[in-house]
Amino acid sequence: MKKLQFEVNINAPVTKVYDFMLGTTSKSTYEQWTSLFNPTSTYEGTWDKGNKILFVGVDEKGEKGGMVSKIVENIPNQFVSIHHYGLLKADKEVTEGPEVEKWANGFENYTFEENNGTTTVIVDLDTTEDFVDYMNQSYPKALDKLKELCEE
């Protein structure tokens, strides 16, 4: 696993940034910023600590796929920790096997810090070697989209 970190400063209060990033009031804000990874990105489940959540999208073949994850921690407006422990392939949850082992125990953590009306979002992400370039290209664009949404 490779550890990556991305950061963005957003001229908006932390409550708004947290809400828009997770889509807690309207899932559409989550779907808009994550559309830079996949135009059909969404989630199924809730962001409550201990809950299972699926991060899903439809691939070029029209099949639903994504990540099977658990919310390890959620301190509103401060910190969210997501543990990715499986894959969703063609609507089936796969939680063991060689494909999953590459991702097993991968975390995606969001840290929110507000200072004088500007919120800094720090994303710490574990990813596989073959996704490093994709994440390095896509994550900054997605966070720029989040910034744009929050600052409108």
N, C-alpha and C. Protein backbone atom coordinates (compact mmCIF):
# COMPACT_ATOMS: atom_id res chain seq x y z
N MET A 1 0.83 -1.20 0.00
CA MET A 1 0.00 0.00 0.00
C MET A 1 0.86 1.25 0.00
N LYS A 2 0.47 2.20 -0.80
CA LYS A 2 1.13 3.50 -0.82
C LYS A 2 0.26 4.48 -0.04
N LYS A 3 0.89 5.35 0.71
CA LYS A 3 0.16 6.39 1.46
C LYS A 3 0.27 7.70 0.68
N LEU A 4 -0.88 8.29 0.40
CA LEU A 4 -0.94 9.56 -0.30
C LEU A 4 -1.64 10.58 0.59
N GLN A 5 -1.31 11.86 0.37
CA GLN A 5 -2.00 12.92 1.11
C GLN A 5 -2.34 14.05 0.16
N PHE A 6 -3.56 14.55 0.30
CA PHE A 6 -4.04 15.68 -0.51
C PHE A 6 -4.64 16.71 0.44
N GLU A 7 -4.53 17.97 0.07
CA GLU A 7 -5.01 19.04 0.94
C GLU A 7 -5.62 20.15 0.08
N VAL A 8 -6.67 20.76 0.61
CA VAL A 8 -7.30 21.90 -0.07
C VAL A 8 -7.79 22.88 0.99
N ASN A 9 -7.64 24.17 0.69
CA ASN A 9 -8.18 25.23 1.55
C ASN A 9 -9.44 25.77 0.89
N ILE A 10 -10.51 25.84 1.66
CA ILE A 10 -11.82 26.24 1.14
C ILE A 10 -12.33 27.42 1.96
N ASN A 11 -12.70 28.48 1.27
CA ASN A 11 -13.23 29.67 1.94
C ASN A 11 -14.71 29.46 2.30
N ALA A 12 -14.92 28.63 3.30
CA ALA A 12 -16.28 28.32 3.78
C ALA A 12 -16.14 27.72 5.17
N PRO A 13 -17.19 27.84 5.99
CA PRO A 13 -17.14 27.27 7.34
C PRO A 13 -17.05 25.74 7.29
N VAL A 14 -16.42 25.17 8.30
CA VAL A 14 -16.20 23.73 8.35
C VAL A 14 -17.52 22.95 8.30
N THR A 15 -18.58 23.49 8.90
CA THR A 15 -19.87 22.77 8.90
C THR A 15 -20.37 22.56 7.47
N LYS A 16 -20.19 23.57 6.63
CA LYS A 16 -20.62 23.46 5.23
C LYS A 16 -19.73 22.50 4.46
N VAL A 17 -18.42 22.59 4.67
CA VAL A 17 -17.48 21.73 3.94
C VAL A 17 -17.71 20.26 4.29
N TYR A 18 -17.85 19.98 5.58
CA TYR A 18 -18.11 18.61 6.04
C TYR A 18 -19.41 18.09 5.42
N ASP A 19 -20.47 18.90 5.49
CA ASP A 19 -21.77 18.52 4.96
C ASP A 19 -21.70 18.26 3.45
N PHE A 20 -21.04 19.15 2.71
CA PHE A 20 -20.97 19.00 1.26
C PHE A 20 -20.08 17.82 0.87
N MET A 21 -18.98 17.63 1.60
CA MET A 21 -18.06 16.54 1.25
C MET A 21 -18.74 15.18 1.44
N LEU A 22 -19.46 15.02 2.55
CA LEU A 22 -20.12 13.75 2.83
C LEU A 22 -21.52 13.64 2.23
N GLY A 23 -22.07 14.77 1.82
CA GLY A 23 -23.43 14.75 1.28
C GLY A 23 -24.45 14.43 2.35
N THR A 24 -24.21 14.93 3.58
CA THR A 24 -25.11 14.58 4.69
C THR A 24 -26.49 15.22 4.57
N THR A 25 -26.57 16.43 4.01
CA THR A 25 -27.86 17.07 3.82
C THR A 25 -28.45 16.70 2.46
N SER A 26 -27.59 16.70 1.46
CA SER A 26 -28.01 16.32 0.11
C SER A 26 -26.90 15.50 -0.52
N LYS A 27 -27.22 14.25 -0.85
CA LYS A 27 -26.23 13.35 -1.43
C LYS A 27 -25.64 13.93 -2.72
N SER A 28 -26.37 14.84 -3.36
CA SER A 28 -25.91 15.39 -4.64
C SER A 28 -24.58 16.12 -4.53
N THR A 29 -24.29 16.75 -3.37
CA THR A 29 -23.01 17.45 -3.24
C THR A 29 -21.86 16.44 -3.24
N TYR A 30 -22.04 15.30 -2.56
CA TYR A 30 -21.04 14.22 -2.60
C TYR A 30 -20.87 13.73 -4.03
N GLU A 31 -21.98 13.50 -4.70
CA GLU A 31 -21.94 12.96 -6.07
C GLU A 31 -21.27 13.92 -7.04
N GLN A 32 -21.42 15.23 -6.79
CA GLN A 32 -20.81 16.21 -7.70
C GLN A 32 -19.29 16.21 -7.59
N TRP A 33 -18.74 16.23 -6.36
CA TRP A 33 -17.28 16.29 -6.27
C TRP A 33 -16.63 14.95 -6.60
N THR A 34 -17.33 13.85 -6.29
CA THR A 34 -16.74 12.53 -6.60
C THR A 34 -16.96 12.12 -8.05
N SER A 35 -17.74 12.90 -8.80
CA SER A 35 -17.95 12.58 -10.22
C SER A 35 -16.64 12.66 -11.00
N LEU A 36 -15.62 13.30 -10.41
CA LEU A 36 -14.32 13.37 -11.09
C LEU A 36 -13.60 12.02 -11.04
N PHE A 37 -14.01 11.13 -10.16
CA PHE A 37 -13.48 9.76 -10.17
C PHE A 37 -14.29 8.89 -11.12
N ASN A 38 -15.62 9.04 -11.05
CA ASN A 38 -16.54 8.28 -11.91
C ASN A 38 -17.82 9.11 -11.98
N PRO A 39 -18.29 9.40 -13.19
CA PRO A 39 -19.49 10.25 -13.33
C PRO A 39 -20.71 9.73 -12.58
N THR A 40 -20.73 8.43 -12.25
CA THR A 40 -21.90 7.85 -11.57
C THR A 40 -21.63 7.60 -10.08
N SER A 41 -20.56 8.17 -9.54
CA SER A 41 -20.21 7.94 -8.12
C SER A 41 -21.34 8.31 -7.18
N THR A 42 -21.57 7.42 -6.21
CA THR A 42 -22.51 7.69 -5.13
C THR A 42 -22.14 6.78 -3.96
N TYR A 43 -22.94 6.80 -2.93
CA TYR A 43 -22.72 5.86 -1.82
C TYR A 43 -24.06 5.31 -1.37
N GLU A 44 -23.99 4.14 -0.74
CA GLU A 44 -25.18 3.50 -0.17
C GLU A 44 -24.85 3.19 1.28
N GLY A 45 -25.68 3.66 2.18
CA GLY A 45 -25.43 3.49 3.60
C GLY A 45 -25.35 4.85 4.26
N THR A 46 -24.81 4.87 5.47
CA THR A 46 -24.70 6.15 6.18
C THR A 46 -23.28 6.32 6.70
N TRP A 47 -22.97 7.55 7.09
CA TRP A 47 -21.65 7.92 7.58
C TRP A 47 -21.51 7.74 9.09
N ASP A 48 -22.47 7.06 9.73
CA ASP A 48 -22.41 6.87 11.17
C ASP A 48 -21.30 5.90 11.55
N LYS A 49 -20.61 6.21 12.64
CA LYS A 49 -19.53 5.35 13.13
C LYS A 49 -20.02 3.92 13.29
N GLY A 50 -19.23 2.98 12.78
CA GLY A 50 -19.57 1.56 12.89
C GLY A 50 -20.38 1.02 11.73
N ASN A 51 -20.93 1.89 10.90
CA ASN A 51 -21.80 1.44 9.80
C ASN A 51 -21.01 1.01 8.58
N LYS A 52 -21.62 0.05 7.87
CA LYS A 52 -21.08 -0.33 6.56
C LYS A 52 -21.57 0.71 5.55
N ILE A 53 -20.69 1.04 4.59
CA ILE A 53 -21.05 1.98 3.54
C ILE A 53 -20.45 1.46 2.23
N LEU A 54 -21.20 1.56 1.16
CA LEU A 54 -20.71 1.14 -0.15
C LEU A 54 -20.47 2.39 -0.98
N PHE A 55 -19.27 2.48 -1.56
CA PHE A 55 -18.94 3.56 -2.49
C PHE A 55 -19.04 2.96 -3.88
N VAL A 56 -20.04 3.41 -4.65
CA VAL A 56 -20.36 2.70 -5.90
C VAL A 56 -20.43 3.63 -7.10
N GLY A 57 -20.29 2.99 -8.22
CA GLY A 57 -20.45 3.65 -9.51
C GLY A 57 -20.71 2.57 -10.54
N VAL A 58 -21.06 3.01 -11.73
CA VAL A 58 -21.32 2.08 -12.83
C VAL A 58 -20.13 2.15 -13.79
N ASP A 59 -19.61 0.99 -14.18
CA ASP A 59 -18.46 0.98 -15.09
C ASP A 59 -18.90 1.09 -16.54
N GLU A 60 -17.90 1.04 -17.44
CA GLU A 60 -18.20 1.22 -18.87
C GLU A 60 -19.08 0.10 -19.43
N LYS A 61 -19.16 -1.05 -18.73
CA LYS A 61 -20.02 -2.16 -19.17
C LYS A 61 -21.42 -2.05 -18.57
N GLY A 62 -21.64 -1.00 -17.77
CA GLY A 62 -22.95 -0.83 -17.14
C GLY A 62 -23.12 -1.62 -15.86
N GLU A 63 -22.01 -2.19 -15.34
CA GLU A 63 -22.09 -2.96 -14.10
C GLU A 63 -21.78 -2.08 -12.90
N LYS A 64 -22.53 -2.32 -11.82
CA LYS A 64 -22.30 -1.57 -10.59
C LYS A 64 -21.12 -2.18 -9.85
N GLY A 65 -20.20 -1.32 -9.41
CA GLY A 65 -19.05 -1.81 -8.67
C GLY A 65 -18.55 -0.73 -7.74
N GLY A 66 -17.55 -1.10 -6.92
CA GLY A 66 -16.98 -0.11 -6.03
C GLY A 66 -16.33 -0.75 -4.82
N MET A 67 -16.36 -0.01 -3.71
CA MET A 67 -15.69 -0.43 -2.48
C MET A 67 -16.71 -0.75 -1.39
N VAL A 68 -16.41 -1.81 -0.62
CA VAL A 68 -17.18 -2.15 0.57
C VAL A 68 -16.36 -1.63 1.74
N SER A 69 -16.96 -0.77 2.54
CA SER A 69 -16.21 -0.07 3.57
C SER A 69 -16.98 0.04 4.87
N LYS A 70 -16.25 0.44 5.91
CA LYS A 70 -16.85 0.66 7.23
C LYS A 70 -16.39 2.02 7.74
N ILE A 71 -17.31 2.74 8.36
CA ILE A 71 -16.96 4.02 8.99
C ILE A 71 -16.38 3.70 10.37
N VAL A 72 -15.06 3.89 10.49
CA VAL A 72 -14.37 3.56 11.74
C VAL A 72 -14.55 4.69 12.75
N GLU A 73 -14.57 5.92 12.25
CA GLU A 73 -14.73 7.07 13.13
C GLU A 73 -15.41 8.19 12.36
N ASN A 74 -16.26 8.92 13.04
CA ASN A 74 -16.87 10.10 12.44
C ASN A 74 -17.12 11.11 13.56
N ILE A 75 -16.21 12.07 13.66
CA ILE A 75 -16.37 13.17 14.61
C ILE A 75 -16.79 14.36 13.75
N PRO A 76 -18.09 14.70 13.76
CA PRO A 76 -18.59 15.73 12.84
C PRO A 76 -17.73 17.00 12.83
N ASN A 77 -17.46 17.46 11.61
CA ASN A 77 -16.71 18.69 11.35
C ASN A 77 -15.24 18.60 11.77
N GLN A 78 -14.75 17.41 12.11
CA GLN A 78 -13.36 17.25 12.52
C GLN A 78 -12.64 16.12 11.79
N PHE A 79 -13.20 14.90 11.85
CA PHE A 79 -12.45 13.75 11.36
C PHE A 79 -13.38 12.62 10.95
N VAL A 80 -13.07 12.00 9.80
CA VAL A 80 -13.79 10.81 9.34
C VAL A 80 -12.74 9.78 8.91
N SER A 81 -12.91 8.56 9.39
CA SER A 81 -12.00 7.47 9.00
C SER A 81 -12.82 6.35 8.36
N ILE A 82 -12.44 6.00 7.13
CA ILE A 82 -13.13 4.97 6.35
C ILE A 82 -12.15 3.81 6.16
N HIS A 83 -12.60 2.60 6.49
CA HIS A 83 -11.79 1.40 6.28
C HIS A 83 -12.38 0.65 5.09
N HIS A 84 -11.59 0.54 4.02
CA HIS A 84 -12.03 -0.22 2.84
C HIS A 84 -11.62 -1.68 3.04
N TYR A 85 -12.60 -2.58 3.04
CA TYR A 85 -12.27 -3.98 3.30
C TYR A 85 -12.79 -4.94 2.24
N GLY A 86 -13.39 -4.44 1.19
CA GLY A 86 -13.88 -5.33 0.15
C GLY A 86 -14.21 -4.57 -1.12
N LEU A 87 -14.56 -5.34 -2.13
CA LEU A 87 -14.93 -4.78 -3.42
C LEU A 87 -16.36 -5.16 -3.74
N LEU A 88 -17.03 -4.31 -4.48
CA LEU A 88 -18.36 -4.62 -5.01
C LEU A 88 -18.16 -4.83 -6.50
N LYS A 89 -18.48 -6.03 -6.96
CA LYS A 89 -18.33 -6.35 -8.37
C LYS A 89 -19.66 -6.90 -8.88
N ALA A 90 -20.19 -6.23 -9.88
CA ALA A 90 -21.48 -6.65 -10.46
C ALA A 90 -22.51 -6.93 -9.37
N ASP A 91 -22.60 -5.99 -8.42
CA ASP A 91 -23.59 -6.06 -7.34
C ASP A 91 -23.31 -7.13 -6.28
N LYS A 92 -22.14 -7.79 -6.34
CA LYS A 92 -21.80 -8.79 -5.32
C LYS A 92 -20.66 -8.27 -4.46
N GLU A 93 -20.78 -8.43 -3.15
CA GLU A 93 -19.71 -8.03 -2.23
C GLU A 93 -18.66 -9.12 -2.16
N VAL A 94 -17.42 -8.73 -2.43
CA VAL A 94 -16.28 -9.66 -2.38
C VAL A 94 -15.37 -9.16 -1.27
N THR A 95 -15.21 -9.96 -0.21
CA THR A 95 -14.41 -9.51 0.93
C THR A 95 -13.18 -10.37 1.18
N GLU A 96 -12.91 -11.32 0.27
CA GLU A 96 -11.67 -12.08 0.37
C GLU A 96 -11.21 -12.51 -1.00
N GLY A 97 -9.93 -12.92 -1.06
CA GLY A 97 -9.34 -13.33 -2.34
C GLY A 97 -8.24 -12.36 -2.74
N PRO A 98 -7.48 -12.74 -3.78
CA PRO A 98 -6.29 -11.96 -4.16
C PRO A 98 -6.59 -10.51 -4.54
N GLU A 99 -7.70 -10.27 -5.20
CA GLU A 99 -8.03 -8.90 -5.63
C GLU A 99 -8.30 -7.99 -4.42
N VAL A 100 -8.95 -8.57 -3.42
CA VAL A 100 -9.30 -7.82 -2.21
C VAL A 100 -8.07 -7.62 -1.33
N GLU A 101 -7.19 -8.64 -1.28
CA GLU A 101 -6.01 -8.56 -0.42
C GLU A 101 -5.14 -7.35 -0.72
N LYS A 102 -5.11 -6.93 -1.99
CA LYS A 102 -4.34 -5.73 -2.36
C LYS A 102 -4.87 -4.50 -1.63
N TRP A 103 -6.19 -4.46 -1.43
CA TRP A 103 -6.85 -3.29 -0.82
C TRP A 103 -7.10 -3.47 0.67
N ALA A 104 -7.04 -4.70 1.16
CA ALA A 104 -7.43 -4.97 2.55
C ALA A 104 -6.68 -4.06 3.51
N ASN A 105 -7.40 -3.58 4.48
CA ASN A 105 -6.86 -2.69 5.51
C ASN A 105 -6.45 -1.32 4.98
N GLY A 106 -6.98 -0.95 3.84
CA GLY A 106 -6.75 0.40 3.32
C GLY A 106 -7.69 1.38 4.01
N PHE A 107 -7.14 2.53 4.34
CA PHE A 107 -7.94 3.57 4.99
C PHE A 107 -7.99 4.82 4.12
N GLU A 108 -9.06 5.57 4.28
CA GLU A 108 -9.21 6.89 3.67
C GLU A 108 -9.71 7.77 4.81
N ASN A 109 -8.89 8.74 5.21
CA ASN A 109 -9.22 9.59 6.34
C ASN A 109 -9.35 11.04 5.90
N TYR A 110 -10.38 11.71 6.41
CA TYR A 110 -10.61 13.13 6.13
C TYR A 110 -10.45 13.90 7.43
N THR A 111 -9.58 14.90 7.42
CA THR A 111 -9.41 15.77 8.57
C THR A 111 -9.85 17.18 8.17
N PHE A 112 -10.66 17.80 9.02
CA PHE A 112 -11.20 19.14 8.76
C PHE A 112 -10.68 20.10 9.82
N GLU A 113 -10.09 21.22 9.39
CA GLU A 113 -9.61 22.24 10.33
C GLU A 113 -10.07 23.60 9.85
N GLU A 114 -10.76 24.35 10.71
CA GLU A 114 -11.23 25.69 10.34
C GLU A 114 -10.40 26.74 11.06
N ASN A 115 -10.01 27.77 10.30
CA ASN A 115 -9.25 28.88 10.86
C ASN A 115 -9.72 30.16 10.19
N ASN A 116 -10.34 31.06 10.95
CA ASN A 116 -10.83 32.35 10.42
C ASN A 116 -11.70 32.19 9.18
N GLY A 117 -12.62 31.24 9.20
CA GLY A 117 -13.57 31.08 8.11
C GLY A 117 -13.06 30.29 6.92
N THR A 118 -11.80 29.85 6.97
CA THR A 118 -11.26 29.00 5.91
C THR A 118 -11.10 27.60 6.47
N THR A 119 -11.59 26.63 5.72
CA THR A 119 -11.49 25.23 6.15
C THR A 119 -10.43 24.52 5.32
N THR A 120 -9.52 23.86 6.02
CA THR A 120 -8.54 23.01 5.36
C THR A 120 -9.02 21.57 5.47
N VAL A 121 -9.08 20.90 4.32
CA VAL A 121 -9.42 19.48 4.29
C VAL A 121 -8.15 18.72 3.93
N ILE A 122 -7.79 17.77 4.78
CA ILE A 122 -6.63 16.92 4.52
C ILE A 122 -7.15 15.50 4.32
N VAL A 123 -6.79 14.90 3.19
CA VAL A 123 -7.18 13.53 2.89
C VAL A 123 -5.92 12.66 2.96
N ASP A 124 -5.94 11.66 3.83
CA ASP A 124 -4.88 10.66 3.89
C ASP A 124 -5.47 9.36 3.35
N LEU A 125 -4.77 8.80 2.38
CA LEU A 125 -5.34 7.70 1.60
C LEU A 125 -4.31 6.60 1.40
N ASP A 126 -4.74 5.36 1.63
CA ASP A 126 -3.93 4.19 1.27
C ASP A 126 -4.43 3.72 -0.09
N THR A 127 -3.50 3.45 -0.99
CA THR A 127 -3.90 2.95 -2.31
C THR A 127 -2.88 1.94 -2.81
N THR A 128 -3.29 1.17 -3.79
CA THR A 128 -2.38 0.19 -4.37
C THR A 128 -1.48 0.89 -5.38
N GLU A 129 -0.34 0.27 -5.62
CA GLU A 129 0.67 0.82 -6.54
C GLU A 129 0.06 1.18 -7.90
N ASP A 130 -0.83 0.32 -8.41
CA ASP A 130 -1.40 0.56 -9.74
C ASP A 130 -2.42 1.70 -9.77
N PHE A 131 -2.82 2.23 -8.60
CA PHE A 131 -3.76 3.35 -8.57
C PHE A 131 -3.12 4.68 -8.18
N VAL A 132 -1.81 4.67 -7.89
CA VAL A 132 -1.14 5.89 -7.42
C VAL A 132 -1.29 7.03 -8.44
N ASP A 133 -0.97 6.78 -9.70
CA ASP A 133 -1.05 7.83 -10.72
C ASP A 133 -2.48 8.34 -10.87
N TYR A 134 -3.43 7.43 -10.90
CA TYR A 134 -4.84 7.79 -11.03
C TYR A 134 -5.26 8.69 -9.87
N MET A 135 -4.91 8.30 -8.66
CA MET A 135 -5.28 9.10 -7.48
C MET A 135 -4.58 10.46 -7.49
N ASN A 136 -3.31 10.47 -7.85
CA ASN A 136 -2.57 11.74 -7.91
C ASN A 136 -3.14 12.70 -8.94
N GLN A 137 -3.74 12.16 -9.99
CA GLN A 137 -4.37 13.01 -11.01
C GLN A 137 -5.79 13.40 -10.61
N SER A 138 -6.54 12.43 -10.09
CA SER A 138 -7.98 12.63 -9.86
C SER A 138 -8.31 13.33 -8.54
N TYR A 139 -7.61 12.99 -7.46
CA TYR A 139 -8.01 13.53 -6.15
C TYR A 139 -7.90 15.06 -6.09
N PRO A 140 -6.80 15.66 -6.57
CA PRO A 140 -6.74 17.14 -6.53
C PRO A 140 -7.88 17.79 -7.32
N LYS A 141 -8.25 17.21 -8.46
CA LYS A 141 -9.36 17.75 -9.27
C LYS A 141 -10.67 17.63 -8.51
N ALA A 142 -10.86 16.50 -7.84
CA ALA A 142 -12.09 16.29 -7.07
C ALA A 142 -12.17 17.29 -5.91
N LEU A 143 -11.05 17.52 -5.23
CA LEU A 143 -11.05 18.48 -4.13
C LEU A 143 -11.25 19.91 -4.64
N ASP A 144 -10.74 20.21 -5.82
CA ASP A 144 -11.01 21.53 -6.43
C ASP A 144 -12.51 21.69 -6.71
N LYS A 145 -13.16 20.60 -7.12
CA LYS A 145 -14.61 20.63 -7.37
C LYS A 145 -15.36 20.84 -6.06
N LEU A 146 -14.91 20.18 -4.99
CA LEU A 146 -15.51 20.37 -3.68
C LEU A 146 -15.37 21.83 -3.25
N LYS A 147 -14.19 22.41 -3.45
CA LYS A 147 -13.92 23.81 -3.11
C LYS A 147 -14.89 24.72 -3.86
N GLU A 148 -15.03 24.47 -5.16
CA GLU A 148 -15.93 25.26 -6.01
C GLU A 148 -17.37 25.19 -5.48
N LEU A 149 -17.83 23.99 -5.15
CA LEU A 149 -19.20 23.81 -4.63
C LEU A 149 -19.41 24.58 -3.33
N CYS A 150 -18.43 24.47 -2.43
CA CYS A 150 -18.57 25.10 -1.11
C CYS A 150 -18.46 26.60 -1.15
N GLU A 151 -17.75 27.13 -2.14
CA GLU A 151 -17.53 28.57 -2.21
C GLU A 151 -18.58 29.30 -3.05
N GLU A 152 -19.48 28.55 -3.68
CA GLU A 152 -20.51 29.18 -4.53
C GLU A 152 -21.42 30.07 -3.70
